[in-house]
Amino acid sequence: MHARSHGTPGNRKGMSFAEAHKPVSRIVFDKYDVDGSGTISVSEFRKLCYDMGYFLSDLELGMAIRLLDSDGNGEISYGEFIKWWQQEHRFKTLQLSPQELADLTQISTDFQRFDKDQSGCIDVREFRLLYADLVRRGMTKKTLAGTLEELDNNRDGKVSFNEYVDWVLGQRRTTEQPPHRSQQQVPARQGESSQ
């Protein structure tokens, strides 16, 4: 009878149990974090997308990094990555139509005008100038404090680039929706009864 060597349960090709049972998101993230820094760089993220069948233009890549990189350090942490990875249409959100790209480029330009220290966030001091611009353009009728509260989703007292993008796009969706007409609003034609 031959003695068999049994490794740890789940041990595949020298992997630890924990490594063999990592979520797919972590496996993908670690594969593309080539330098082991704990973050995915711009070039590593481009490779990840391309390997999965989605080539991003330089403009799309730049916008994708701005959207995913919520702390504004120029790289994608696992926490930032997992939020994107869990979206059903994760790659669709990165590939933009020419109009969407133009819109996001304009939103980015507007945001950067007021982000004087280029931190990726607009603090209360910087927000006063942004608020005046939003009022001038008719994008808000709320008070400064009310607008800041509406934009600052995580309640850290600052408006991040992502919070601003979400808010502006939300405002546009609200103003672009056609008004709904109910049955009662449709007048009956002469000679017809409205039963």
N, C-alpha and C. Protein backbone atom coordinates (compact mmCIF):
# COMPACT_ATOMS: atom_id res chain seq x y z
N MET A 1 0.84 -1.17 0.00
CA MET A 1 0.00 0.00 0.00
C MET A 1 0.89 1.24 0.00
N HIS A 2 0.56 2.15 -0.83
CA HIS A 2 1.35 3.37 -0.94
C HIS A 2 0.78 4.44 -0.04
N ALA A 3 1.66 5.11 0.63
CA ALA A 3 1.23 6.23 1.47
C ALA A 3 1.03 7.45 0.60
N ARG A 4 -0.07 8.13 0.81
CA ARG A 4 -0.35 9.35 0.05
C ARG A 4 -0.10 10.56 0.93
N SER A 5 0.40 11.54 0.31
CA SER A 5 0.62 12.80 1.02
C SER A 5 -0.60 13.67 0.77
N HIS A 6 -1.27 14.05 1.80
CA HIS A 6 -2.44 14.92 1.66
C HIS A 6 -2.07 16.32 2.10
N GLY A 7 -2.21 17.27 1.18
CA GLY A 7 -1.97 18.68 1.53
C GLY A 7 -3.18 19.22 2.28
N THR A 8 -3.14 20.44 2.56
CA THR A 8 -4.26 21.08 3.23
C THR A 8 -5.47 21.04 2.31
N PRO A 9 -6.69 20.92 2.85
CA PRO A 9 -7.87 20.93 1.99
C PRO A 9 -7.89 22.22 1.16
N GLY A 10 -8.23 22.11 -0.09
CA GLY A 10 -8.31 23.28 -0.96
C GLY A 10 -6.96 23.71 -1.50
N ASN A 11 -5.90 23.05 -1.11
CA ASN A 11 -4.57 23.45 -1.54
C ASN A 11 -4.37 23.05 -3.00
N ARG A 12 -4.24 24.04 -3.86
CA ARG A 12 -4.02 23.79 -5.28
C ARG A 12 -2.66 24.31 -5.66
N LYS A 13 -1.84 23.42 -6.14
CA LYS A 13 -0.51 23.79 -6.64
C LYS A 13 0.23 24.72 -5.68
N GLY A 14 0.28 24.36 -4.42
CA GLY A 14 1.07 25.12 -3.47
C GLY A 14 0.39 26.36 -2.92
N MET A 15 -0.87 26.57 -3.27
CA MET A 15 -1.59 27.74 -2.74
C MET A 15 -2.06 27.45 -1.33
N SER A 16 -2.11 28.49 -0.52
CA SER A 16 -2.69 28.34 0.80
C SER A 16 -4.21 28.25 0.66
N PHE A 17 -4.87 27.84 1.72
CA PHE A 17 -6.32 27.75 1.71
C PHE A 17 -6.93 29.12 1.39
N ALA A 18 -6.40 30.16 2.03
CA ALA A 18 -6.92 31.52 1.82
C ALA A 18 -6.76 31.96 0.37
N GLU A 19 -5.59 31.67 -0.22
CA GLU A 19 -5.36 32.06 -1.62
C GLU A 19 -6.30 31.32 -2.56
N ALA A 20 -6.58 30.05 -2.27
CA ALA A 20 -7.43 29.24 -3.13
C ALA A 20 -8.89 29.68 -3.07
N HIS A 21 -9.25 30.42 -2.03
CA HIS A 21 -10.65 30.84 -1.86
C HIS A 21 -10.83 32.36 -1.90
N LYS A 22 -9.96 33.06 -2.58
CA LYS A 22 -10.09 34.51 -2.75
C LYS A 22 -11.26 34.79 -3.66
N PRO A 23 -11.94 35.92 -3.44
CA PRO A 23 -12.98 36.30 -4.41
C PRO A 23 -12.34 36.62 -5.77
N VAL A 24 -13.10 36.45 -6.82
CA VAL A 24 -12.59 36.70 -8.18
C VAL A 24 -12.06 38.12 -8.29
N SER A 25 -12.76 39.07 -7.68
CA SER A 25 -12.31 40.47 -7.76
C SER A 25 -10.90 40.63 -7.20
N ARG A 26 -10.61 39.93 -6.12
CA ARG A 26 -9.28 40.04 -5.50
C ARG A 26 -8.23 39.35 -6.38
N ILE A 27 -8.58 38.24 -6.97
CA ILE A 27 -7.66 37.52 -7.86
C ILE A 27 -7.31 38.40 -9.06
N VAL A 28 -8.33 39.03 -9.67
CA VAL A 28 -8.11 39.89 -10.83
C VAL A 28 -7.26 41.09 -10.41
N PHE A 29 -7.62 41.71 -9.29
CA PHE A 29 -6.88 42.89 -8.82
C PHE A 29 -5.41 42.53 -8.60
N ASP A 30 -5.16 41.45 -7.88
CA ASP A 30 -3.78 41.05 -7.59
C ASP A 30 -3.00 40.70 -8.85
N LYS A 31 -3.67 40.11 -9.83
CA LYS A 31 -3.00 39.75 -11.09
C LYS A 31 -2.47 41.00 -11.79
N TYR A 32 -3.25 42.09 -11.76
CA TYR A 32 -2.86 43.30 -12.48
C TYR A 32 -2.09 44.30 -11.62
N ASP A 33 -2.02 44.04 -10.33
CA ASP A 33 -1.15 44.84 -9.45
C ASP A 33 0.24 44.22 -9.56
N VAL A 34 0.83 44.37 -10.74
CA VAL A 34 2.08 43.69 -11.09
C VAL A 34 3.22 44.02 -10.13
N ASP A 35 3.30 45.27 -9.72
CA ASP A 35 4.41 45.67 -8.85
C ASP A 35 4.14 45.39 -7.37
N GLY A 36 2.96 44.85 -7.06
CA GLY A 36 2.65 44.49 -5.68
C GLY A 36 2.48 45.69 -4.76
N SER A 37 2.16 46.85 -5.32
CA SER A 37 2.05 48.08 -4.53
C SER A 37 0.76 48.17 -3.73
N GLY A 38 -0.21 47.29 -4.02
CA GLY A 38 -1.50 47.38 -3.36
C GLY A 38 -2.45 48.29 -4.10
N THR A 39 -1.99 48.82 -5.22
CA THR A 39 -2.85 49.66 -6.08
C THR A 39 -2.60 49.26 -7.53
N ILE A 40 -3.57 49.60 -8.38
CA ILE A 40 -3.41 49.38 -9.81
C ILE A 40 -3.12 50.73 -10.45
N SER A 41 -2.02 50.80 -11.17
CA SER A 41 -1.63 52.04 -11.85
C SER A 41 -2.47 52.21 -13.11
N VAL A 42 -2.34 53.35 -13.74
CA VAL A 42 -3.04 53.63 -14.98
C VAL A 42 -2.71 52.59 -16.04
N SER A 43 -1.43 52.29 -16.22
CA SER A 43 -1.03 51.32 -17.25
C SER A 43 -1.52 49.91 -16.89
N GLU A 44 -1.49 49.56 -15.60
CA GLU A 44 -1.98 48.24 -15.18
C GLU A 44 -3.49 48.13 -15.42
N PHE A 45 -4.23 49.22 -15.19
CA PHE A 45 -5.68 49.21 -15.40
C PHE A 45 -6.00 49.11 -16.90
N ARG A 46 -5.23 49.82 -17.72
CA ARG A 46 -5.43 49.72 -19.17
C ARG A 46 -5.23 48.27 -19.62
N LYS A 47 -4.19 47.61 -19.13
CA LYS A 47 -3.91 46.21 -19.48
C LYS A 47 -5.06 45.30 -19.04
N LEU A 48 -5.56 45.52 -17.83
CA LEU A 48 -6.68 44.73 -17.31
C LEU A 48 -7.87 44.83 -18.26
N CYS A 49 -8.24 46.05 -18.62
CA CYS A 49 -9.39 46.25 -19.51
C CYS A 49 -9.16 45.62 -20.88
N TYR A 50 -7.98 45.82 -21.42
CA TYR A 50 -7.66 45.29 -22.75
C TYR A 50 -7.68 43.76 -22.73
N ASP A 51 -7.10 43.16 -21.69
CA ASP A 51 -7.11 41.70 -21.58
C ASP A 51 -8.52 41.14 -21.48
N MET A 52 -9.44 41.94 -20.99
CA MET A 52 -10.83 41.49 -20.86
C MET A 52 -11.69 41.91 -22.05
N GLY A 53 -11.03 42.39 -23.10
CA GLY A 53 -11.73 42.69 -24.34
C GLY A 53 -12.25 44.11 -24.47
N TYR A 54 -11.76 45.02 -23.66
CA TYR A 54 -12.22 46.41 -23.70
C TYR A 54 -11.02 47.33 -23.81
N PHE A 55 -10.75 47.80 -25.03
CA PHE A 55 -9.65 48.74 -25.21
C PHE A 55 -10.18 50.14 -24.93
N LEU A 56 -9.47 50.87 -24.08
CA LEU A 56 -9.87 52.23 -23.75
C LEU A 56 -8.93 53.22 -24.43
N SER A 57 -9.51 54.21 -25.08
CA SER A 57 -8.69 55.27 -25.67
C SER A 57 -8.02 56.04 -24.52
N ASP A 58 -7.07 56.88 -24.85
CA ASP A 58 -6.40 57.68 -23.81
C ASP A 58 -7.40 58.53 -23.04
N LEU A 59 -8.36 59.12 -23.77
CA LEU A 59 -9.38 59.95 -23.11
C LEU A 59 -10.27 59.11 -22.19
N GLU A 60 -10.72 57.95 -22.68
CA GLU A 60 -11.55 57.06 -21.86
C GLU A 60 -10.78 56.58 -20.64
N LEU A 61 -9.51 56.25 -20.82
CA LEU A 61 -8.69 55.78 -19.71
C LEU A 61 -8.53 56.87 -18.66
N GLY A 62 -8.23 58.08 -19.11
CA GLY A 62 -8.08 59.19 -18.17
C GLY A 62 -9.35 59.45 -17.40
N MET A 63 -10.48 59.39 -18.08
CA MET A 63 -11.77 59.61 -17.42
C MET A 63 -12.09 58.46 -16.49
N ALA A 64 -11.77 57.22 -16.90
CA ALA A 64 -12.01 56.06 -16.05
C ALA A 64 -11.24 56.18 -14.74
N ILE A 65 -9.99 56.57 -14.84
CA ILE A 65 -9.18 56.72 -13.62
C ILE A 65 -9.78 57.80 -12.73
N ARG A 66 -10.20 58.91 -13.32
CA ARG A 66 -10.82 59.97 -12.50
C ARG A 66 -12.07 59.47 -11.81
N LEU A 67 -12.87 58.65 -12.51
CA LEU A 67 -14.12 58.15 -11.93
C LEU A 67 -13.88 57.09 -10.85
N LEU A 68 -12.91 56.22 -11.06
CA LEU A 68 -12.66 55.15 -10.11
C LEU A 68 -11.81 55.59 -8.93
N ASP A 69 -10.89 56.49 -9.16
CA ASP A 69 -9.91 56.91 -8.16
C ASP A 69 -10.53 57.96 -7.23
N SER A 70 -11.33 57.50 -6.27
CA SER A 70 -12.08 58.45 -5.43
C SER A 70 -11.19 59.28 -4.51
N ASP A 71 -10.00 58.79 -4.14
CA ASP A 71 -9.14 59.60 -3.27
C ASP A 71 -8.19 60.50 -4.05
N GLY A 72 -8.21 60.38 -5.38
CA GLY A 72 -7.46 61.30 -6.23
C GLY A 72 -5.95 61.12 -6.23
N ASN A 73 -5.45 59.93 -5.84
CA ASN A 73 -3.99 59.74 -5.80
C ASN A 73 -3.41 59.22 -7.11
N GLY A 74 -4.26 59.06 -8.15
CA GLY A 74 -3.76 58.64 -9.46
C GLY A 74 -3.65 57.14 -9.64
N GLU A 75 -4.04 56.37 -8.62
CA GLU A 75 -4.00 54.91 -8.71
C GLU A 75 -5.29 54.37 -8.12
N ILE A 76 -5.59 53.09 -8.41
CA ILE A 76 -6.84 52.49 -7.96
C ILE A 76 -6.55 51.48 -6.85
N SER A 77 -7.09 51.75 -5.68
CA SER A 77 -6.93 50.83 -4.55
C SER A 77 -7.94 49.69 -4.72
N TYR A 78 -7.80 48.64 -3.92
CA TYR A 78 -8.74 47.53 -4.00
C TYR A 78 -10.14 48.01 -3.63
N GLY A 79 -10.26 48.87 -2.63
CA GLY A 79 -11.57 49.40 -2.24
C GLY A 79 -12.25 50.14 -3.38
N GLU A 80 -11.48 50.93 -4.12
CA GLU A 80 -12.02 51.65 -5.28
C GLU A 80 -12.36 50.66 -6.41
N PHE A 81 -11.50 49.68 -6.60
CA PHE A 81 -11.69 48.68 -7.65
C PHE A 81 -12.94 47.86 -7.41
N ILE A 82 -13.16 47.42 -6.17
CA ILE A 82 -14.28 46.53 -5.88
C ILE A 82 -15.62 47.23 -6.13
N LYS A 83 -15.68 48.53 -5.85
CA LYS A 83 -16.93 49.27 -6.12
C LYS A 83 -17.25 49.22 -7.61
N TRP A 84 -16.24 49.38 -8.46
CA TRP A 84 -16.44 49.32 -9.89
C TRP A 84 -16.71 47.88 -10.34
N TRP A 85 -15.94 46.93 -9.82
CA TRP A 85 -16.03 45.54 -10.24
C TRP A 85 -17.42 44.96 -9.97
N GLN A 86 -18.08 45.39 -8.91
CA GLN A 86 -19.38 44.84 -8.53
C GLN A 86 -20.52 45.37 -9.40
N GLN A 87 -20.27 46.34 -10.24
CA GLN A 87 -21.30 46.86 -11.14
C GLN A 87 -21.56 45.85 -12.25
N GLU A 88 -22.82 45.65 -12.56
CA GLU A 88 -23.18 44.68 -13.59
C GLU A 88 -22.55 45.00 -14.94
N HIS A 89 -22.57 46.26 -15.33
CA HIS A 89 -22.04 46.66 -16.63
C HIS A 89 -20.77 47.47 -16.44
N ARG A 90 -19.81 46.90 -15.72
CA ARG A 90 -18.61 47.64 -15.32
C ARG A 90 -17.83 48.22 -16.50
N PHE A 91 -17.68 47.49 -17.57
CA PHE A 91 -16.89 48.00 -18.70
C PHE A 91 -17.68 49.02 -19.51
N LYS A 92 -18.99 48.86 -19.58
CA LYS A 92 -19.84 49.80 -20.31
C LYS A 92 -19.71 51.20 -19.70
N THR A 93 -19.53 51.26 -18.38
CA THR A 93 -19.40 52.56 -17.72
C THR A 93 -18.10 53.26 -18.10
N LEU A 94 -17.14 52.53 -18.64
CA LEU A 94 -15.85 53.12 -19.01
C LEU A 94 -15.80 53.55 -20.47
N GLN A 95 -16.60 52.89 -21.30
CA GLN A 95 -16.59 53.22 -22.72
C GLN A 95 -17.70 54.21 -22.99
N LEU A 96 -17.32 55.38 -23.39
CA LEU A 96 -18.25 56.48 -23.49
C LEU A 96 -18.55 56.85 -24.93
N SER A 97 -19.78 57.29 -25.16
CA SER A 97 -20.12 57.82 -26.48
C SER A 97 -19.40 59.16 -26.62
N PRO A 98 -19.28 59.67 -27.84
CA PRO A 98 -18.63 60.98 -28.00
C PRO A 98 -19.30 62.07 -27.16
N GLN A 99 -20.64 62.04 -27.06
CA GLN A 99 -21.34 63.05 -26.27
C GLN A 99 -21.04 62.89 -24.77
N GLU A 100 -21.06 61.64 -24.28
CA GLU A 100 -20.76 61.39 -22.86
C GLU A 100 -19.33 61.82 -22.54
N LEU A 101 -18.42 61.54 -23.45
CA LEU A 101 -17.03 61.93 -23.25
C LEU A 101 -16.90 63.45 -23.20
N ALA A 102 -17.59 64.12 -24.11
CA ALA A 102 -17.56 65.59 -24.11
C ALA A 102 -18.15 66.14 -22.82
N ASP A 103 -19.27 65.54 -22.37
CA ASP A 103 -19.90 65.99 -21.12
C ASP A 103 -18.96 65.81 -19.94
N LEU A 104 -18.36 64.63 -19.83
CA LEU A 104 -17.46 64.38 -18.70
C LEU A 104 -16.21 65.24 -18.75
N THR A 105 -15.74 65.49 -19.95
CA THR A 105 -14.57 66.37 -20.09
C THR A 105 -14.91 67.77 -19.61
N GLN A 106 -16.10 68.25 -19.97
CA GLN A 106 -16.53 69.58 -19.52
C GLN A 106 -16.72 69.61 -18.00
N ILE A 107 -17.33 68.57 -17.45
CA ILE A 107 -17.53 68.48 -16.00
C ILE A 107 -16.18 68.49 -15.30
N SER A 108 -15.22 67.73 -15.83
CA SER A 108 -13.89 67.66 -15.25
C SER A 108 -13.20 69.02 -15.31
N THR A 109 -13.31 69.70 -16.43
CA THR A 109 -12.70 71.03 -16.59
C THR A 109 -13.30 72.00 -15.59
N ASP A 110 -14.64 71.96 -15.46
CA ASP A 110 -15.32 72.84 -14.50
C ASP A 110 -14.84 72.57 -13.08
N PHE A 111 -14.77 71.30 -12.72
CA PHE A 111 -14.35 70.92 -11.36
C PHE A 111 -12.92 71.40 -11.09
N GLN A 112 -12.03 71.16 -12.03
CA GLN A 112 -10.63 71.52 -11.84
C GLN A 112 -10.42 73.03 -11.72
N ARG A 113 -11.29 73.82 -12.34
CA ARG A 113 -11.20 75.28 -12.19
C ARG A 113 -11.33 75.70 -10.73
N PHE A 114 -12.12 74.95 -9.96
CA PHE A 114 -12.36 75.31 -8.56
C PHE A 114 -11.52 74.50 -7.58
N ASP A 115 -10.92 73.41 -8.05
CA ASP A 115 -10.04 72.59 -7.20
C ASP A 115 -8.64 73.19 -7.28
N LYS A 116 -8.46 74.31 -6.60
CA LYS A 116 -7.22 75.10 -6.72
C LYS A 116 -5.96 74.33 -6.34
N ASP A 117 -6.07 73.44 -5.34
CA ASP A 117 -4.88 72.69 -4.91
C ASP A 117 -4.74 71.35 -5.64
N GLN A 118 -5.64 71.09 -6.61
CA GLN A 118 -5.61 69.87 -7.42
C GLN A 118 -5.58 68.60 -6.56
N SER A 119 -6.38 68.60 -5.48
CA SER A 119 -6.42 67.46 -4.56
C SER A 119 -7.46 66.43 -4.94
N GLY A 120 -8.30 66.75 -5.93
CA GLY A 120 -9.38 65.83 -6.29
C GLY A 120 -10.62 66.06 -5.45
N CYS A 121 -10.53 67.03 -4.53
CA CYS A 121 -11.65 67.39 -3.67
C CYS A 121 -11.76 68.91 -3.59
N ILE A 122 -12.97 69.37 -3.43
CA ILE A 122 -13.20 70.80 -3.24
C ILE A 122 -13.60 71.00 -1.78
N ASP A 123 -12.75 71.74 -1.06
CA ASP A 123 -13.05 71.99 0.36
C ASP A 123 -14.04 73.15 0.48
N VAL A 124 -14.45 73.45 1.69
CA VAL A 124 -15.46 74.48 1.92
C VAL A 124 -15.05 75.83 1.33
N ARG A 125 -13.80 76.21 1.49
CA ARG A 125 -13.30 77.48 0.96
C ARG A 125 -13.43 77.51 -0.57
N GLU A 126 -13.01 76.44 -1.22
CA GLU A 126 -13.11 76.35 -2.68
C GLU A 126 -14.57 76.24 -3.13
N PHE A 127 -15.39 75.61 -2.28
CA PHE A 127 -16.79 75.37 -2.64
C PHE A 127 -17.57 76.67 -2.81
N ARG A 128 -17.21 77.70 -2.06
CA ARG A 128 -17.91 78.98 -2.18
C ARG A 128 -17.87 79.49 -3.63
N LEU A 129 -16.72 79.36 -4.27
CA LEU A 129 -16.59 79.80 -5.66
C LEU A 129 -17.38 78.88 -6.61
N LEU A 130 -17.31 77.59 -6.36
CA LEU A 130 -18.07 76.64 -7.18
C LEU A 130 -19.56 76.92 -7.03
N TYR A 131 -20.00 77.12 -5.80
CA TYR A 131 -21.42 77.39 -5.55
C TYR A 131 -21.89 78.62 -6.33
N ALA A 132 -21.12 79.69 -6.29
CA ALA A 132 -21.49 80.91 -7.02
C ALA A 132 -21.64 80.60 -8.51
N ASP A 133 -20.76 79.75 -9.05
CA ASP A 133 -20.83 79.38 -10.46
C ASP A 133 -22.08 78.53 -10.74
N LEU A 134 -22.40 77.60 -9.84
CA LEU A 134 -23.59 76.76 -10.02
C LEU A 134 -24.85 77.61 -10.01
N VAL A 135 -24.92 78.60 -9.12
CA VAL A 135 -26.07 79.50 -9.06
C VAL A 135 -26.15 80.32 -10.36
N ARG A 136 -25.01 80.86 -10.79
CA ARG A 136 -24.96 81.67 -12.02
C ARG A 136 -25.46 80.88 -13.22
N ARG A 137 -25.13 79.57 -13.27
CA ARG A 137 -25.53 78.73 -14.40
C ARG A 137 -26.93 78.12 -14.21
N GLY A 138 -27.59 78.45 -13.11
CA GLY A 138 -28.94 77.95 -12.87
C GLY A 138 -29.00 76.48 -12.50
N MET A 139 -27.90 75.93 -11.96
CA MET A 139 -27.86 74.51 -11.63
C MET A 139 -28.37 74.21 -10.22
N THR A 140 -28.50 75.24 -9.38
CA THR A 140 -29.05 75.04 -8.05
C THR A 140 -29.76 76.31 -7.61
N LYS A 141 -30.81 76.09 -6.81
CA LYS A 141 -31.53 77.21 -6.20
C LYS A 141 -31.44 77.10 -4.70
N LYS A 142 -30.73 76.10 -4.21
CA LYS A 142 -30.57 75.88 -2.77
C LYS A 142 -29.54 76.84 -2.21
N THR A 143 -29.50 76.90 -0.91
CA THR A 143 -28.49 77.70 -0.23
C THR A 143 -27.13 77.04 -0.39
N LEU A 144 -26.09 77.76 -0.05
CA LEU A 144 -24.74 77.20 -0.11
C LEU A 144 -24.67 75.94 0.74
N ALA A 145 -25.16 76.03 1.99
CA ALA A 145 -25.11 74.87 2.90
C ALA A 145 -25.95 73.71 2.35
N GLY A 146 -27.13 74.02 1.79
CA GLY A 146 -27.99 72.97 1.23
C GLY A 146 -27.36 72.29 0.03
N THR A 147 -26.70 73.08 -0.81
CA THR A 147 -26.05 72.51 -2.00
C THR A 147 -24.85 71.65 -1.59
N LEU A 148 -24.07 72.15 -0.62
CA LEU A 148 -22.94 71.36 -0.13
C LEU A 148 -23.42 70.04 0.45
N GLU A 149 -24.48 70.08 1.22
CA GLU A 149 -25.03 68.85 1.82
C GLU A 149 -25.49 67.88 0.74
N GLU A 150 -26.10 68.41 -0.31
CA GLU A 150 -26.58 67.57 -1.41
C GLU A 150 -25.42 66.91 -2.17
N LEU A 151 -24.34 67.63 -2.36
CA LEU A 151 -23.19 67.12 -3.11
C LEU A 151 -22.30 66.19 -2.28
N ASP A 152 -22.15 66.48 -1.00
CA ASP A 152 -21.20 65.77 -0.14
C ASP A 152 -21.83 64.48 0.40
N ASN A 153 -21.86 63.45 -0.44
CA ASN A 153 -22.52 62.19 -0.09
C ASN A 153 -21.92 61.50 1.13
N ASN A 154 -20.62 61.54 1.28
CA ASN A 154 -19.99 60.82 2.40
C ASN A 154 -19.84 61.68 3.65
N ARG A 155 -20.33 62.91 3.59
CA ARG A 155 -20.37 63.82 4.74
C ARG A 155 -19.00 64.09 5.36
N ASP A 156 -17.98 64.24 4.50
CA ASP A 156 -16.64 64.54 5.01
C ASP A 156 -16.32 66.03 4.94
N GLY A 157 -17.31 66.84 4.55
CA GLY A 157 -17.11 68.28 4.49
C GLY A 157 -16.45 68.76 3.21
N LYS A 158 -16.23 67.85 2.26
CA LYS A 158 -15.62 68.19 0.98
C LYS A 158 -16.45 67.56 -0.13
N VAL A 159 -16.25 68.06 -1.34
CA VAL A 159 -16.90 67.48 -2.50
C VAL A 159 -15.82 66.84 -3.36
N SER A 160 -15.87 65.51 -3.49
CA SER A 160 -14.89 64.82 -4.33
C SER A 160 -15.30 64.95 -5.79
N PHE A 161 -14.36 64.68 -6.67
CA PHE A 161 -14.64 64.71 -8.10
C PHE A 161 -15.82 63.79 -8.43
N ASN A 162 -15.81 62.56 -7.87
CA ASN A 162 -16.88 61.60 -8.17
C ASN A 162 -18.23 62.09 -7.68
N GLU A 163 -18.25 62.70 -6.50
CA GLU A 163 -19.51 63.24 -5.98
C GLU A 163 -20.04 64.32 -6.91
N TYR A 164 -19.14 65.16 -7.39
CA TYR A 164 -19.54 66.24 -8.30
C TYR A 164 -20.08 65.68 -9.62
N VAL A 165 -19.37 64.71 -10.20
CA VAL A 165 -19.81 64.10 -11.46
C VAL A 165 -21.20 63.49 -11.28
N ASP A 166 -21.38 62.71 -10.21
CA ASP A 166 -22.67 62.07 -9.97
C ASP A 166 -23.78 63.11 -9.84
N TRP A 167 -23.50 64.19 -9.13
CA TRP A 167 -24.50 65.22 -8.91
C TRP A 167 -24.86 65.92 -10.23
N VAL A 168 -23.85 66.32 -11.01
CA VAL A 168 -24.11 67.02 -12.27
C VAL A 168 -24.90 66.12 -13.21
N LEU A 169 -24.48 64.86 -13.35
CA LEU A 169 -25.20 63.95 -14.24
C LEU A 169 -26.62 63.72 -13.74
N GLY A 170 -26.80 63.63 -12.43
CA GLY A 170 -28.14 63.50 -11.85
C GLY A 170 -29.01 64.71 -12.16
N GLN A 171 -28.42 65.90 -12.07
CA GLN A 171 -29.15 67.13 -12.40
C GLN A 171 -29.58 67.12 -13.86
N ARG A 172 -28.68 66.68 -14.72
CA ARG A 172 -29.01 66.66 -16.16
C ARG A 172 -30.11 65.66 -16.46
N ARG A 173 -30.05 64.48 -15.81
CA ARG A 173 -31.11 63.47 -16.03
C ARG A 173 -32.46 64.02 -15.58
N THR A 174 -32.47 64.73 -14.47
CA THR A 174 -33.71 65.28 -13.93
C THR A 174 -34.31 66.31 -14.88
N THR A 175 -33.48 67.17 -15.44
CA THR A 175 -33.99 68.22 -16.32
C THR A 175 -34.29 67.73 -17.73
N GLU A 176 -33.72 66.58 -18.12
CA GLU A 176 -33.94 66.08 -19.48
C GLU A 176 -35.14 65.16 -19.59
N GLN A 177 -35.72 64.71 -18.46
CA GLN A 177 -36.84 63.78 -18.53
C GLN A 177 -38.08 64.52 -19.00
N PRO A 178 -38.78 63.93 -19.98
CA PRO A 178 -40.01 64.57 -20.46
C PRO A 178 -41.07 64.51 -19.38
N PRO A 179 -41.93 65.51 -19.30
CA PRO A 179 -42.99 65.48 -18.30
C PRO A 179 -43.95 64.33 -18.58
N HIS A 180 -44.45 63.71 -17.52
CA HIS A 180 -45.38 62.59 -17.68
C HIS A 180 -46.80 63.13 -17.75
N ARG A 181 -47.54 62.62 -18.71
CA ARG A 181 -48.93 63.04 -18.83
C ARG A 181 -49.81 61.91 -18.35
N SER A 182 -50.72 62.21 -17.46
CA SER A 182 -51.64 61.18 -16.97
C SER A 182 -52.87 61.16 -17.86
N GLN A 183 -53.66 60.13 -17.71
CA GLN A 183 -54.88 59.98 -18.50
C GLN A 183 -55.80 61.18 -18.29
N GLN A 184 -55.86 61.71 -17.05
CA GLN A 184 -56.76 62.79 -16.74
C GLN A 184 -56.38 64.08 -17.46
N GLN A 185 -55.13 64.24 -17.83
CA GLN A 185 -54.68 65.46 -18.48
C GLN A 185 -54.99 65.49 -19.97
N VAL A 186 -55.32 64.33 -20.54
CA VAL A 186 -55.59 64.27 -21.97
C VAL A 186 -57.05 64.63 -22.18
N PRO A 187 -57.30 65.76 -22.81
CA PRO A 187 -58.70 66.16 -23.00
C PRO A 187 -59.41 65.23 -23.99
N ALA A 188 -60.68 64.99 -23.72
CA ALA A 188 -61.48 64.15 -24.62
C ALA A 188 -61.81 64.98 -25.85
N ARG A 189 -61.81 64.30 -27.01
CA ARG A 189 -62.19 65.01 -28.23
C ARG A 189 -63.69 65.27 -28.23
N GLN A 190 -64.08 66.27 -28.94
CA GLN A 190 -65.50 66.63 -28.98
C GLN A 190 -66.31 65.44 -29.46
N GLY A 191 -67.37 65.15 -28.76
CA GLY A 191 -68.22 64.03 -29.13
C GLY A 191 -67.84 62.74 -28.45
N GLU A 192 -66.65 62.68 -27.77
CA GLU A 192 -66.25 61.46 -27.05
C GLU A 192 -66.52 61.66 -25.58
N SER A 193 -66.89 60.62 -24.92
CA SER A 193 -67.06 60.73 -23.48
C SER A 193 -65.81 60.23 -22.81
N SER A 194 -65.50 60.78 -21.66
CA SER A 194 -64.32 60.30 -20.94
C SER A 194 -64.78 59.41 -19.82
N GLN A 195 -64.91 58.12 -20.13
CA GLN A 195 -65.43 57.13 -19.18
C GLN A 195 -64.38 56.66 -18.26
